[in-house]
Amino acid sequence: MLSWVLTFLIIAIIAGVLGFTGIAVASAEIAKVIFFIFIVLFIVSLIMQLVNKR
């Protein structure tokens, strides 16, 4: 999942440098959404591991 975030972030940076602001903004937003989904899934996984150890 982090590889998708990095991919969209690189697309956003390249598009921003080349002047394609619409594509840059869209790619950055997609990267942010995927990153927050990753963080939520990571926290849920961490909590599940702690619950299962007991």
PDB file of N, CA and C in Angstrom:
ATOM      1  N   MET A   1       0.819  -1.186   0.000  1.00  0.00           N
ATOM      2  CA  MET A   1       0.000   0.000   0.000  1.00  0.00           C
ATOM      3  C   MET A   1       0.872   1.263   0.000  1.00  0.00           C
ATOM      4  N   LEU A   2       1.969   1.199   0.694  1.00  0.00           N
ATOM      5  CA  LEU A   2       2.855   2.360   0.699  1.00  0.00           C
ATOM      6  C   LEU A   2       3.489   2.597  -0.670  1.00  0.00           C
ATOM      7  N   SER A   3       3.636   1.533  -1.435  1.00  0.00           N
ATOM      8  CA  SER A   3       4.176   1.724  -2.782  1.00  0.00           C
ATOM      9  C   SER A   3       3.208   2.520  -3.651  1.00  0.00           C
ATOM     10  N   TRP A   4       1.900   2.316  -3.453  1.00  0.00           N
ATOM     11  CA  TRP A   4       0.908   3.112  -4.187  1.00  0.00           C
ATOM     12  C   TRP A   4       0.986   4.570  -3.786  1.00  0.00           C
ATOM     13  N   VAL A   5       1.176   4.819  -2.489  1.00  0.00           N
ATOM     14  CA  VAL A   5       1.300   6.195  -2.014  1.00  0.00           C
ATOM     15  C   VAL A   5       2.501   6.873  -2.654  1.00  0.00           C
ATOM     16  N   LEU A   6       3.620   6.176  -2.668  1.00  0.00           N
ATOM     17  CA  LEU A   6       4.832   6.743  -3.278  1.00  0.00           C
ATOM     18  C   LEU A   6       4.650   6.963  -4.781  1.00  0.00           C
ATOM     19  N   THR A   7       3.962   6.045  -5.444  1.00  0.00           N
ATOM     20  CA  THR A   7       3.721   6.198  -6.876  1.00  0.00           C
ATOM     21  C   THR A   7       2.902   7.452  -7.164  1.00  0.00           C
ATOM     22  N   PHE A   8       1.792   7.614  -6.448  1.00  0.00           N
ATOM     23  CA  PHE A   8       0.958   8.787  -6.673  1.00  0.00           C
ATOM     24  C   PHE A   8       1.653  10.077  -6.248  1.00  0.00           C
ATOM     25  N   LEU A   9       2.495   9.996  -5.221  1.00  0.00           N
ATOM     26  CA  LEU A   9       3.242  11.172  -4.801  1.00  0.00           C
ATOM     27  C   LEU A   9       4.246  11.589  -5.871  1.00  0.00           C
ATOM     28  N   ILE A  10       4.917  10.628  -6.467  1.00  0.00           N
ATOM     29  CA  ILE A  10       5.867  10.935  -7.543  1.00  0.00           C
ATOM     30  C   ILE A  10       5.134  11.495  -8.755  1.00  0.00           C
ATOM     31  N   ILE A  11       3.977  10.925  -9.086  1.00  0.00           N
ATOM     32  CA  ILE A  11       3.176  11.449 -10.197  1.00  0.00           C
ATOM     33  C   ILE A  11       2.771  12.892  -9.914  1.00  0.00           C
ATOM     34  N   ALA A  12       2.376  13.164  -8.671  1.00  0.00           N
ATOM     35  CA  ALA A  12       1.969  14.525  -8.305  1.00  0.00           C
ATOM     36  C   ALA A  12       3.136  15.502  -8.429  1.00  0.00           C
ATOM     37  N   ILE A  13       4.311  15.091  -7.995  1.00  0.00           N
ATOM     38  CA  ILE A  13       5.479  15.976  -8.067  1.00  0.00           C
ATOM     39  C   ILE A  13       5.857  16.250  -9.524  1.00  0.00           C
ATOM     40  N   ILE A  14       5.895  15.207 -10.336  1.00  0.00           N
ATOM     41  CA  ILE A  14       6.248  15.382 -11.748  1.00  0.00           C
ATOM     42  C   ILE A  14       5.210  16.248 -12.459  1.00  0.00           C
ATOM     43  N   ALA A  15       3.935  15.990 -12.202  1.00  0.00           N
ATOM     44  CA  ALA A  15       2.880  16.778 -12.839  1.00  0.00           C
ATOM     45  C   ALA A  15       2.940  18.235 -12.382  1.00  0.00           C
ATOM     46  N   GLY A  16       3.258  18.454 -11.122  1.00  0.00           N
ATOM     47  CA  GLY A  16       3.378  19.821 -10.619  1.00  0.00           C
ATOM     48  C   GLY A  16       4.534  20.568 -11.264  1.00  0.00           C
ATOM     49  N   VAL A  17       5.646  19.882 -11.447  1.00  0.00           N
ATOM     50  CA  VAL A  17       6.810  20.503 -12.083  1.00  0.00           C
ATOM     51  C   VAL A  17       6.521  20.847 -13.543  1.00  0.00           C
ATOM     52  N   LEU A  18       5.783  19.971 -14.205  1.00  0.00           N
ATOM     53  CA  LEU A  18       5.478  20.188 -15.614  1.00  0.00           C
ATOM     54  C   LEU A  18       4.311  21.154 -15.826  1.00  0.00           C
ATOM     55  N   GLY A  19       3.634  21.548 -14.763  1.00  0.00           N
ATOM     56  CA  GLY A  19       2.568  22.533 -14.876  1.00  0.00           C
ATOM     57  C   GLY A  19       1.166  21.957 -14.992  1.00  0.00           C
ATOM     58  N   PHE A  20       1.027  20.669 -14.857  1.00  0.00           N
ATOM     59  CA  PHE A  20      -0.292  20.046 -14.898  1.00  0.00           C
ATOM     60  C   PHE A  20      -0.886  20.050 -13.488  1.00  0.00           C
ATOM     61  N   THR A  21      -1.409  21.196 -13.084  1.00  0.00           N
ATOM     62  CA  THR A  21      -1.838  21.344 -11.694  1.00  0.00           C
ATOM     63  C   THR A  21      -3.034  20.468 -11.345  1.00  0.00           C
ATOM     64  N   GLY A  22      -3.944  20.263 -12.278  1.00  0.00           N
ATOM     65  CA  GLY A  22      -5.106  19.416 -12.002  1.00  0.00           C
ATOM     66  C   GLY A  22      -4.709  17.991 -11.701  1.00  0.00           C
ATOM     67  N   ILE A  23      -3.814  17.464 -12.501  1.00  0.00           N
ATOM     68  CA  ILE A  23      -3.333  16.099 -12.282  1.00  0.00           C
ATOM     69  C   ILE A  23      -2.518  16.027 -10.997  1.00  0.00           C
ATOM     70  N   ALA A  24      -1.736  17.052 -10.728  1.00  0.00           N
ATOM     71  CA  ALA A  24      -0.911  17.066  -9.515  1.00  0.00           C
ATOM     72  C   ALA A  24      -1.784  17.057  -8.262  1.00  0.00           C
ATOM     73  N   VAL A  25      -2.820  17.874  -8.272  1.00  0.00           N
ATOM     74  CA  VAL A  25      -3.716  17.936  -7.107  1.00  0.00           C
ATOM     75  C   VAL A  25      -4.450  16.621  -6.930  1.00  0.00           C
ATOM     76  N   ALA A  26      -4.945  16.055  -8.018  1.00  0.00           N
ATOM     77  CA  ALA A  26      -5.666  14.783  -7.929  1.00  0.00           C
ATOM     78  C   ALA A  26      -4.754  13.667  -7.427  1.00  0.00           C
ATOM     79  N   SER A  27      -3.547  13.598  -7.926  1.00  0.00           N
ATOM     80  CA  SER A  27      -2.611  12.561  -7.493  1.00  0.00           C
ATOM     81  C   SER A  27      -2.238  12.737  -6.023  1.00  0.00           C
ATOM     82  N   ALA A  28      -2.050  13.965  -5.601  1.00  0.00           N
ATOM     83  CA  ALA A  28      -1.720  14.213  -4.194  1.00  0.00           C
ATOM     84  C   ALA A  28      -2.883  13.822  -3.287  1.00  0.00           C
ATOM     85  N   GLU A  29      -4.098  14.102  -3.703  1.00  0.00           N
ATOM     86  CA  GLU A  29      -5.263  13.726  -2.896  1.00  0.00           C
ATOM     87  C   GLU A  29      -5.397  12.211  -2.808  1.00  0.00           C
ATOM     88  N   ILE A  30      -5.185  11.522  -3.914  1.00  0.00           N
ATOM     89  CA  ILE A  30      -5.245  10.058  -3.898  1.00  0.00           C
ATOM     90  C   ILE A  30      -4.163   9.504  -2.980  1.00  0.00           C
ATOM     91  N   ALA A  31      -2.972  10.067  -3.035  1.00  0.00           N
ATOM     92  CA  ALA A  31      -1.885   9.611  -2.168  1.00  0.00           C
ATOM     93  C   ALA A  31      -2.232   9.822  -0.697  1.00  0.00           C
ATOM     94  N   LYS A  32      -2.863  10.966  -0.392  1.00  0.00           N
ATOM     95  CA  LYS A  32      -3.250  11.223   1.005  1.00  0.00           C
ATOM     96  C   LYS A  32      -4.293  10.231   1.486  1.00  0.00           C
ATOM     97  N   VAL A  33      -5.289   9.959   0.662  1.00  0.00           N
ATOM     98  CA  VAL A  33      -6.353   9.032   1.044  1.00  0.00           C
ATOM     99  C   VAL A  33      -5.787   7.639   1.275  1.00  0.00           C
ATOM    100  N   ILE A  34      -4.961   7.169   0.359  1.00  0.00           N
ATOM    101  CA  ILE A  34      -4.379   5.836   0.515  1.00  0.00           C
ATOM    102  C   ILE A  34      -3.477   5.775   1.745  1.00  0.00           C
ATOM    103  N   PHE A  35      -2.750   6.852   2.018  1.00  0.00           N
ATOM    104  CA  PHE A  35      -1.889   6.880   3.200  1.00  0.00           C
ATOM    105  C   PHE A  35      -2.713   6.783   4.483  1.00  0.00           C
ATOM    106  N   PHE A  36      -3.821   7.526   4.564  1.00  0.00           N
ATOM    107  CA  PHE A  36      -4.646   7.467   5.769  1.00  0.00           C
ATOM    108  C   PHE A  36      -5.327   6.110   5.924  1.00  0.00           C
ATOM    109  N   ILE A  37      -5.701   5.482   4.816  1.00  0.00           N
ATOM    110  CA  ILE A  37      -6.246   4.125   4.892  1.00  0.00           C
ATOM    111  C   ILE A  37      -5.182   3.178   5.426  1.00  0.00           C
ATOM    112  N   PHE A  38      -3.944   3.334   4.959  1.00  0.00           N
ATOM    113  CA  PHE A  38      -2.842   2.506   5.456  1.00  0.00           C
ATOM    114  C   PHE A  38      -2.655   2.693   6.956  1.00  0.00           C
ATOM    115  N   ILE A  39      -2.690   3.943   7.414  1.00  0.00           N
ATOM    116  CA  ILE A  39      -2.494   4.214   8.849  1.00  0.00           C
ATOM    117  C   ILE A  39      -3.604   3.560   9.675  1.00  0.00           C
ATOM    118  N   VAL A  40      -4.845   3.675   9.221  1.00  0.00           N
ATOM    119  CA  VAL A  40      -5.966   3.070   9.946  1.00  0.00           C
ATOM    120  C   VAL A  40      -5.814   1.559   9.985  1.00  0.00           C
ATOM    121  N   LEU A  41      -5.488   0.940   8.864  1.00  0.00           N
ATOM    122  CA  LEU A  41      -5.316  -0.509   8.843  1.00  0.00           C
ATOM    123  C   LEU A  41      -4.137  -0.949   9.706  1.00  0.00           C
ATOM    124  N   PHE A  42      -3.080  -0.154   9.741  1.00  0.00           N
ATOM    125  CA  PHE A  42      -1.939  -0.468  10.585  1.00  0.00           C
ATOM    126  C   PHE A  42      -2.330  -0.433  12.058  1.00  0.00           C
ATOM    127  N   ILE A  43      -3.068   0.580  12.466  1.00  0.00           N
ATOM    128  CA  ILE A  43      -3.488   0.691  13.867  1.00  0.00           C
ATOM    129  C   ILE A  43      -4.420  -0.451  14.246  1.00  0.00           C
ATOM    130  N   VAL A  44      -5.362  -0.793  13.363  1.00  0.00           N
ATOM    131  CA  VAL A  44      -6.264  -1.910  13.633  1.00  0.00           C
ATOM    132  C   VAL A  44      -5.470  -3.209  13.762  1.00  0.00           C
ATOM    133  N   SER A  45      -4.511  -3.414  12.885  1.00  0.00           N
ATOM    134  CA  SER A  45      -3.684  -4.608  12.955  1.00  0.00           C
ATOM    135  C   SER A  45      -2.876  -4.653  14.250  1.00  0.00           C
ATOM    136  N   LEU A  46      -2.344  -3.513  14.661  1.00  0.00           N
ATOM    137  CA  LEU A  46      -1.578  -3.442  15.898  1.00  0.00           C
ATOM    138  C   LEU A  46      -2.454  -3.767  17.107  1.00  0.00           C
ATOM    139  N   ILE A  47      -3.649  -3.236  17.133  1.00  0.00           N
ATOM    140  CA  ILE A  47      -4.574  -3.513  18.237  1.00  0.00           C
ATOM    141  C   ILE A  47      -4.968  -4.977  18.260  1.00  0.00           C
ATOM    142  N   MET A  48      -5.227  -5.561  17.081  1.00  0.00           N
ATOM    143  CA  MET A  48      -5.580  -6.965  17.019  1.00  0.00           C
ATOM    144  C   MET A  48      -4.445  -7.857  17.519  1.00  0.00           C
ATOM    145  N   GLN A  49      -3.215  -7.497  17.221  1.00  0.00           N
ATOM    146  CA  GLN A  49      -2.064  -8.263  17.707  1.00  0.00           C
ATOM    147  C   GLN A  49      -1.962  -8.199  19.222  1.00  0.00           C
ATOM    148  N   LEU A  50      -2.208  -7.019  19.778  1.00  0.00           N
ATOM    149  CA  LEU A  50      -2.136  -6.865  21.239  1.00  0.00           C
ATOM    150  C   LEU A  50      -3.255  -7.623  21.925  1.00  0.00           C
ATOM    151  N   VAL A  51      -4.438  -7.652  21.346  1.00  0.00           N
ATOM    152  CA  VAL A  51      -5.570  -8.372  21.923  1.00  0.00           C
ATOM    153  C   VAL A  51      -5.321  -9.884  21.853  1.00  0.00           C
ATOM    154  N   ASN A  52      -4.771 -10.360  20.764  1.00  0.00           N
ATOM    155  CA  ASN A  52      -4.541 -11.796  20.600  1.00  0.00           C
ATOM    156  C   ASN A  52      -3.415 -12.324  21.474  1.00  0.00           C
ATOM    157  N   LYS A  53      -2.499 -11.473  21.902  1.00  0.00           N
ATOM    158  CA  LYS A  53      -1.402 -11.932  22.765  1.00  0.00           C
ATOM    159  C   LYS A  53      -1.898 -12.272  24.163  1.00  0.00           C
ATOM    160  N   ARG A  54      -2.985 -11.669  24.565  1.00  0.00           N
ATOM    161  CA  ARG A  54      -3.502 -11.922  25.923  1.00  0.00           C
ATOM    162  C   ARG A  54      -4.331 -13.122  25.957  1.00  0.00           C
TER     163      ARG A  54
END
